[in-house]
Amino acid sequence: MMALFAGTALLLPGQNKLSKQEKKDGFQLLFDGKSLRGWEGDPEIWRVEKGEIVGNTDQKQIKTNQFLIS
């Protein structure tokens, strides 16, 4: 848990980028920090806000769990 927290704390806004070595090794970003491009899910539930993926059901009643998949 502490290692996960420490790693997460180091990721600041605007740092969602791959290093040259990561690109060379074939890594790909799952999220561009701006849009839901490449993701599938209900747009009435999922959106991007301040560089983060946000899910909210305040405006829509759902009968089953809703997920966002890449």
PDB file of N, CA and C in Angstrom:
ATOM      1  N   MET A   1       0.824  -1.185   0.000  1.00  0.00           N
ATOM      2  CA  MET A   1       0.000   0.000   0.000  1.00  0.00           C
ATOM      3  C   MET A   1       0.866   1.247   0.000  1.00  0.00           C
ATOM      4  N   MET A   2       1.891   1.281   0.823  1.00  0.00           N
ATOM      5  CA  MET A   2       2.730   2.474   0.900  1.00  0.00           C
ATOM      6  C   MET A   2       3.464   2.711  -0.424  1.00  0.00           C
ATOM      7  N   ALA A   3       3.922   1.644  -1.052  1.00  0.00           N
ATOM      8  CA  ALA A   3       4.633   1.807  -2.326  1.00  0.00           C
ATOM      9  C   ALA A   3       3.692   2.355  -3.392  1.00  0.00           C
ATOM     10  N   LEU A   4       2.470   1.859  -3.412  1.00  0.00           N
ATOM     11  CA  LEU A   4       1.493   2.357  -4.378  1.00  0.00           C
ATOM     12  C   LEU A   4       1.211   3.829  -4.137  1.00  0.00           C
ATOM     13  N   PHE A   5       1.033   4.199  -2.881  1.00  0.00           N
ATOM     14  CA  PHE A   5       0.777   5.590  -2.547  1.00  0.00           C
ATOM     15  C   PHE A   5       1.960   6.464  -2.943  1.00  0.00           C
ATOM     16  N   ALA A   6       3.161   6.018  -2.637  1.00  0.00           N
ATOM     17  CA  ALA A   6       4.358   6.805  -2.957  1.00  0.00           C
ATOM     18  C   ALA A   6       4.474   6.991  -4.463  1.00  0.00           C
ATOM     19  N   GLY A   7       4.212   5.932  -5.230  1.00  0.00           N
ATOM     20  CA  GLY A   7       4.286   6.039  -6.682  1.00  0.00           C
ATOM     21  C   GLY A   7       3.215   6.961  -7.227  1.00  0.00           C
ATOM     22  N   THR A   8       2.028   6.890  -6.662  1.00  0.00           N
ATOM     23  CA  THR A   8       0.934   7.745  -7.105  1.00  0.00           C
ATOM     24  C   THR A   8       1.202   9.202  -6.766  1.00  0.00           C
ATOM     25  N   ALA A   9       1.778   9.450  -5.626  1.00  0.00           N
ATOM     26  CA  ALA A   9       2.033  10.822  -5.189  1.00  0.00           C
ATOM     27  C   ALA A   9       3.037  11.517  -6.095  1.00  0.00           C
ATOM     28  N   LEU A  10       3.857  10.757  -6.797  1.00  0.00           N
ATOM     29  CA  LEU A  10       4.872  11.349  -7.663  1.00  0.00           C
ATOM     30  C   LEU A  10       4.318  11.785  -9.010  1.00  0.00           C
ATOM     31  N   LEU A  11       3.127  11.315  -9.371  1.00  0.00           N
ATOM     32  CA  LEU A  11       2.529  11.672 -10.650  1.00  0.00           C
ATOM     33  C   LEU A  11       1.755  12.972 -10.488  1.00  0.00           C
ATOM     34  N   LEU A  12       2.268  14.018 -11.057  1.00  0.00           N
ATOM     35  CA  LEU A  12       1.648  15.337 -10.967  1.00  0.00           C
ATOM     36  C   LEU A  12       0.951  15.678 -12.275  1.00  0.00           C
ATOM     37  N   PRO A  13       0.006  16.608 -12.262  1.00  0.00           N
ATOM     38  CA  PRO A  13      -0.654  17.002 -13.508  1.00  0.00           C
ATOM     39  C   PRO A  13       0.367  17.375 -14.577  1.00  0.00           C
ATOM     40  N   GLY A  14       0.118  16.925 -15.788  1.00  0.00           N
ATOM     41  CA  GLY A  14       1.025  17.224 -16.895  1.00  0.00           C
ATOM     42  C   GLY A  14       2.151  16.226 -17.035  1.00  0.00           C
ATOM     43  N   GLN A  15       2.231  15.239 -16.151  1.00  0.00           N
ATOM     44  CA  GLN A  15       3.304  14.254 -16.217  1.00  0.00           C
ATOM     45  C   GLN A  15       2.848  12.936 -16.837  1.00  0.00           C
ATOM     46  N   ASN A  16       1.747  12.924 -17.493  1.00  0.00           N
ATOM     47  CA  ASN A  16       1.233  11.710 -18.113  1.00  0.00           C
ATOM     48  C   ASN A  16       1.915  11.507 -19.461  1.00  0.00           C
ATOM     49  N   LYS A  17       3.207  11.257 -19.400  1.00  0.00           N
ATOM     50  CA  LYS A  17       4.013  11.095 -20.610  1.00  0.00           C
ATOM     51  C   LYS A  17       4.944   9.912 -20.433  1.00  0.00           C
ATOM     52  N   LEU A  18       5.306   9.300 -21.548  1.00  0.00           N
ATOM     53  CA  LEU A  18       6.259   8.209 -21.518  1.00  0.00           C
ATOM     54  C   LEU A  18       7.671   8.735 -21.727  1.00  0.00           C
ATOM     55  N   SER A  19       8.621   8.106 -21.067  1.00  0.00           N
ATOM     56  CA  SER A  19      10.023   8.451 -21.291  1.00  0.00           C
ATOM     57  C   SER A  19      10.464   7.861 -22.622  1.00  0.00           C
ATOM     58  N   LYS A  20      11.593   8.299 -23.116  1.00  0.00           N
ATOM     59  CA  LYS A  20      12.126   7.749 -24.371  1.00  0.00           C
ATOM     60  C   LYS A  20      12.328   6.247 -24.250  1.00  0.00           C
ATOM     61  N   GLN A  21      12.801   5.805 -23.084  1.00  0.00           N
ATOM     62  CA  GLN A  21      13.038   4.375 -22.878  1.00  0.00           C
ATOM     63  C   GLN A  21      11.725   3.600 -22.852  1.00  0.00           C
ATOM     64  N   GLU A  22      10.712   4.154 -22.226  1.00  0.00           N
ATOM     65  CA  GLU A  22       9.409   3.481 -22.194  1.00  0.00           C
ATOM     66  C   GLU A  22       8.837   3.357 -23.604  1.00  0.00           C
ATOM     67  N   LYS A  23       8.967   4.410 -24.399  1.00  0.00           N
ATOM     68  CA  LYS A  23       8.510   4.345 -25.789  1.00  0.00           C
ATOM     69  C   LYS A  23       9.281   3.281 -26.554  1.00  0.00           C
ATOM     70  N   LYS A  24      10.595   3.258 -26.355  1.00  0.00           N
ATOM     71  CA  LYS A  24      11.453   2.270 -27.018  1.00  0.00           C
ATOM     72  C   LYS A  24      11.051   0.854 -26.618  1.00  0.00           C
ATOM     73  N   ASP A  25      10.667   0.679 -25.360  1.00  0.00           N
ATOM     74  CA  ASP A  25      10.275  -0.632 -24.851  1.00  0.00           C
ATOM     75  C   ASP A  25       8.861  -1.034 -25.259  1.00  0.00           C
ATOM     76  N   GLY A  26       8.127  -0.126 -25.941  1.00  0.00           N
ATOM     77  CA  GLY A  26       6.802  -0.453 -26.455  1.00  0.00           C
ATOM     78  C   GLY A  26       5.637  -0.110 -25.546  1.00  0.00           C
ATOM     79  N   PHE A  27       5.893   0.612 -24.469  1.00  0.00           N
ATOM     80  CA  PHE A  27       4.800   1.022 -23.590  1.00  0.00           C
ATOM     81  C   PHE A  27       3.896   2.019 -24.308  1.00  0.00           C
ATOM     82  N   GLN A  28       2.604   2.004 -23.949  1.00  0.00           N
ATOM     83  CA  GLN A  28       1.635   2.958 -24.486  1.00  0.00           C
ATOM     84  C   GLN A  28       0.817   3.522 -23.333  1.00  0.00           C
ATOM     85  N   LEU A  29       0.485   4.803 -23.408  1.00  0.00           N
ATOM     86  CA  LEU A  29      -0.382   5.410 -22.398  1.00  0.00           C
ATOM     87  C   LEU A  29      -1.804   4.897 -22.582  1.00  0.00           C
ATOM     88  N   LEU A  30      -2.478   4.631 -21.486  1.00  0.00           N
ATOM     89  CA  LEU A  30      -3.879   4.229 -21.549  1.00  0.00           C
ATOM     90  C   LEU A  30      -4.807   5.433 -21.581  1.00  0.00           C
ATOM     91  N   PHE A  31      -4.331   6.555 -21.062  1.00  0.00           N
ATOM     92  CA  PHE A  31      -5.170   7.747 -20.920  1.00  0.00           C
ATOM     93  C   PHE A  31      -4.350   8.969 -21.308  1.00  0.00           C
ATOM     94  N   ASP A  32      -4.896   9.808 -22.197  1.00  0.00           N
ATOM     95  CA  ASP A  32      -4.153  10.983 -22.662  1.00  0.00           C
ATOM     96  C   ASP A  32      -4.304  12.198 -21.742  1.00  0.00           C
ATOM     97  N   GLY A  33      -5.138  12.079 -20.714  1.00  0.00           N
ATOM     98  CA  GLY A  33      -5.323  13.184 -19.774  1.00  0.00           C
ATOM     99  C   GLY A  33      -6.264  14.272 -20.259  1.00  0.00           C
ATOM    100  N   LYS A  34      -6.822  14.099 -21.465  1.00  0.00           N
ATOM    101  CA  LYS A  34      -7.671  15.140 -22.056  1.00  0.00           C
ATOM    102  C   LYS A  34      -9.027  14.630 -22.526  1.00  0.00           C
ATOM    103  N   SER A  35      -9.082  13.375 -22.955  1.00  0.00           N
ATOM    104  CA  SER A  35     -10.307  12.850 -23.553  1.00  0.00           C
ATOM    105  C   SER A  35     -10.471  11.376 -23.190  1.00  0.00           C
ATOM    106  N   LEU A  36     -11.604  10.825 -23.577  1.00  0.00           N
ATOM    107  CA  LEU A  36     -11.848   9.399 -23.385  1.00  0.00           C
ATOM    108  C   LEU A  36     -11.584   8.619 -24.676  1.00  0.00           C
ATOM    109  N   ARG A  37     -10.760   9.174 -25.526  1.00  0.00           N
ATOM    110  CA  ARG A  37     -10.386   8.505 -26.779  1.00  0.00           C
ATOM    111  C   ARG A  37      -9.776   7.142 -26.451  1.00  0.00           C
ATOM    112  N   GLY A  38     -10.288   6.096 -27.087  1.00  0.00           N
ATOM    113  CA  GLY A  38      -9.806   4.744 -26.851  1.00  0.00           C
ATOM    114  C   GLY A  38     -10.528   4.012 -25.724  1.00  0.00           C
ATOM    115  N   TRP A  39     -11.476   4.687 -25.096  1.00  0.00           N
ATOM    116  CA  TRP A  39     -12.232   4.101 -23.995  1.00  0.00           C
ATOM    117  C   TRP A  39     -13.685   3.913 -24.413  1.00  0.00           C
ATOM    118  N   GLU A  40     -14.336   2.899 -23.861  1.00  0.00           N
ATOM    119  CA  GLU A  40     -15.751   2.657 -24.122  1.00  0.00           C
ATOM    120  C   GLU A  40     -16.517   2.723 -22.816  1.00  0.00           C
ATOM    121  N   GLY A  41     -17.597   3.473 -22.816  1.00  0.00           N
ATOM    122  CA  GLY A  41     -18.438   3.600 -21.634  1.00  0.00           C
ATOM    123  C   GLY A  41     -19.537   4.614 -21.901  1.00  0.00           C
ATOM    124  N   ASP A  42     -20.480   4.679 -21.020  1.00  0.00           N
ATOM    125  CA  ASP A  42     -21.621   5.581 -21.162  1.00  0.00           C
ATOM    126  C   ASP A  42     -21.164   7.029 -20.951  1.00  0.00           C
ATOM    127  N   PRO A  43     -21.251   7.881 -21.977  1.00  0.00           N
ATOM    128  CA  PRO A  43     -20.802   9.272 -21.836  1.00  0.00           C
ATOM    129  C   PRO A  43     -21.661  10.098 -20.877  1.00  0.00           C
ATOM    130  N   GLU A  44     -22.830   9.572 -20.499  1.00  0.00           N
ATOM    131  CA  GLU A  44     -23.638  10.263 -19.492  1.00  0.00           C
ATOM    132  C   GLU A  44     -23.095  10.011 -18.077  1.00  0.00           C
ATOM    133  N   ILE A  45     -22.202   9.051 -17.953  1.00  0.00           N
ATOM    134  CA  ILE A  45     -21.613   8.712 -16.657  1.00  0.00           C
ATOM    135  C   ILE A  45     -20.148   9.128 -16.589  1.00  0.00           C
ATOM    136  N   TRP A  46     -19.404   8.887 -17.650  1.00  0.00           N
ATOM    137  CA  TRP A  46     -17.949   9.083 -17.657  1.00  0.00           C
ATOM    138  C   TRP A  46     -17.545  10.356 -18.376  1.00  0.00           C
ATOM    139  N   ARG A  47     -16.565  11.070 -17.817  1.00  0.00           N
ATOM    140  CA  ARG A  47     -16.034  12.291 -18.433  1.00  0.00           C
ATOM    141  C   ARG A  47     -14.607  12.511 -17.935  1.00  0.00           C
ATOM    142  N   VAL A  48     -13.931  13.461 -18.555  1.00  0.00           N
ATOM    143  CA  VAL A  48     -12.592  13.871 -18.113  1.00  0.00           C
ATOM    144  C   VAL A  48     -12.723  15.235 -17.468  1.00  0.00           C
ATOM    145  N   GLU A  49     -12.157  15.361 -16.278  1.00  0.00           N
ATOM    146  CA  GLU A  49     -12.222  16.609 -15.531  1.00  0.00           C
ATOM    147  C   GLU A  49     -10.862  16.844 -14.860  1.00  0.00           C
ATOM    148  N   LYS A  50     -10.233  17.963 -15.183  1.00  0.00           N
ATOM    149  CA  LYS A  50      -8.930  18.312 -14.604  1.00  0.00           C
ATOM    150  C   LYS A  50      -7.892  17.208 -14.795  1.00  0.00           C
ATOM    151  N   GLY A  51      -7.909  16.601 -15.976  1.00  0.00           N
ATOM    152  CA  GLY A  51      -6.927  15.574 -16.302  1.00  0.00           C
ATOM    153  C   GLY A  51      -7.188  14.216 -15.682  1.00  0.00           C
ATOM    154  N   GLU A  52      -8.377  14.006 -15.133  1.00  0.00           N
ATOM    155  CA  GLU A  52      -8.725  12.745 -14.495  1.00  0.00           C
ATOM    156  C   GLU A  52     -10.017  12.193 -15.083  1.00  0.00           C
ATOM    157  N   ILE A  53     -10.131  10.868 -15.087  1.00  0.00           N
ATOM    158  CA  ILE A  53     -11.376  10.229 -15.501  1.00  0.00           C
ATOM    159  C   ILE A  53     -12.317  10.228 -14.306  1.00  0.00           C
ATOM    160  N   VAL A  54     -13.542  10.732 -14.539  1.00  0.00           N
ATOM    161  CA  VAL A  54     -14.535  10.853 -13.469  1.00  0.00           C
ATOM    162  C   VAL A  54     -15.797  10.111 -13.884  1.00  0.00           C
ATOM    163  N   GLY A  55     -16.344   9.336 -12.967  1.00  0.00           N
ATOM    164  CA  GLY A  55     -17.621   8.674 -13.173  1.00  0.00           C
ATOM    165  C   GLY A  55     -18.624   9.210 -12.170  1.00  0.00           C
ATOM    166  N   ASN A  56     -19.835   9.544 -12.644  1.00  0.00           N
ATOM    167  CA  ASN A  56     -20.829  10.124 -11.750  1.00  0.00           C
ATOM    168  C   ASN A  56     -22.215   9.693 -12.206  1.00  0.00           C
ATOM    169  N   THR A  57     -23.031   9.262 -11.250  1.00  0.00           N
ATOM    170  CA  THR A  57     -24.390   8.827 -11.577  1.00  0.00           C
ATOM    171  C   THR A  57     -25.452   9.726 -10.949  1.00  0.00           C
ATOM    172  N   ASP A  58     -25.071  10.935 -10.556  1.00  0.00           N
ATOM    173  CA  ASP A  58     -26.050  11.856  -9.971  1.00  0.00           C
ATOM    174  C   ASP A  58     -27.170  12.207 -10.954  1.00  0.00           C
ATOM    175  N   GLN A  59     -26.849  12.315 -12.225  1.00  0.00           N
ATOM    176  CA  GLN A  59     -27.829  12.740 -13.225  1.00  0.00           C
ATOM    177  C   GLN A  59     -28.515  11.569 -13.920  1.00  0.00           C
ATOM    178  N   LYS A  60     -28.057  10.334 -13.628  1.00  0.00           N
ATOM    179  CA  LYS A  60     -28.612   9.187 -14.329  1.00  0.00           C
ATOM    180  C   LYS A  60     -28.745   8.017 -13.363  1.00  0.00           C
ATOM    181  N   GLN A  61     -29.932   7.457 -13.292  1.00  0.00           N
ATOM    182  CA  GLN A  61     -30.145   6.281 -12.455  1.00  0.00           C
ATOM    183  C   GLN A  61     -29.700   5.055 -13.243  1.00  0.00           C
ATOM    184  N   ILE A  62     -28.877   4.221 -12.623  1.00  0.00           N
ATOM    185  CA  ILE A  62     -28.413   3.011 -13.297  1.00  0.00           C
ATOM    186  C   ILE A  62     -28.941   1.793 -12.552  1.00  0.00           C
ATOM    187  N   LYS A  63     -29.216   0.726 -13.299  1.00  0.00           N
ATOM    188  CA  LYS A  63     -29.757  -0.495 -12.710  1.00  0.00           C
ATOM    189  C   LYS A  63     -28.674  -1.544 -12.468  1.00  0.00           C
ATOM    190  N   THR A  64     -27.551  -1.401 -13.148  1.00  0.00           N
ATOM    191  CA  THR A  64     -26.442  -2.338 -12.995  1.00  0.00           C
ATOM    192  C   THR A  64     -25.139  -1.548 -12.906  1.00  0.00           C
ATOM    193  N   ASN A  65     -24.073  -2.223 -12.506  1.00  0.00           N
ATOM    194  CA  ASN A  65     -22.770  -1.565 -12.475  1.00  0.00           C
ATOM    195  C   ASN A  65     -22.390  -1.094 -13.866  1.00  0.00           C
ATOM    196  N   GLN A  66     -21.728   0.047 -13.952  1.00  0.00           N
ATOM    197  CA  GLN A  66     -21.274   0.602 -15.221  1.00  0.00           C
ATOM    198  C   GLN A  66     -19.755   0.729 -15.165  1.00  0.00           C
ATOM    199  N   PHE A  67     -19.101   0.327 -16.229  1.00  0.00           N
ATOM    200  CA  PHE A  67     -17.657   0.344 -16.274  1.00  0.00           C
ATOM    201  C   PHE A  67     -17.158   1.115 -17.483  1.00  0.00           C
ATOM    202  N   LEU A  68     -15.939   1.529 -17.406  1.00  0.00           N
ATOM    203  CA  LEU A  68     -15.237   2.163 -18.519  1.00  0.00           C
ATOM    204  C   LEU A  68     -14.113   1.221 -18.892  1.00  0.00           C
ATOM    205  N   ILE A  69     -14.033   0.820 -20.164  1.00  0.00           N
ATOM    206  CA  ILE A  69     -13.009  -0.134 -20.571  1.00  0.00           C
ATOM    207  C   ILE A  69     -12.175   0.443 -21.700  1.00  0.00           C
ATOM    208  N   SER A  70     -10.957  -0.015 -21.764  1.00  0.00           N
ATOM    209  CA  SER A  70     -10.043   0.414 -22.813  1.00  0.00           C
ATOM    210  C   SER A  70      -9.707  -0.762 -23.691  1.00  0.00           C
TER     211      SER A  70
END
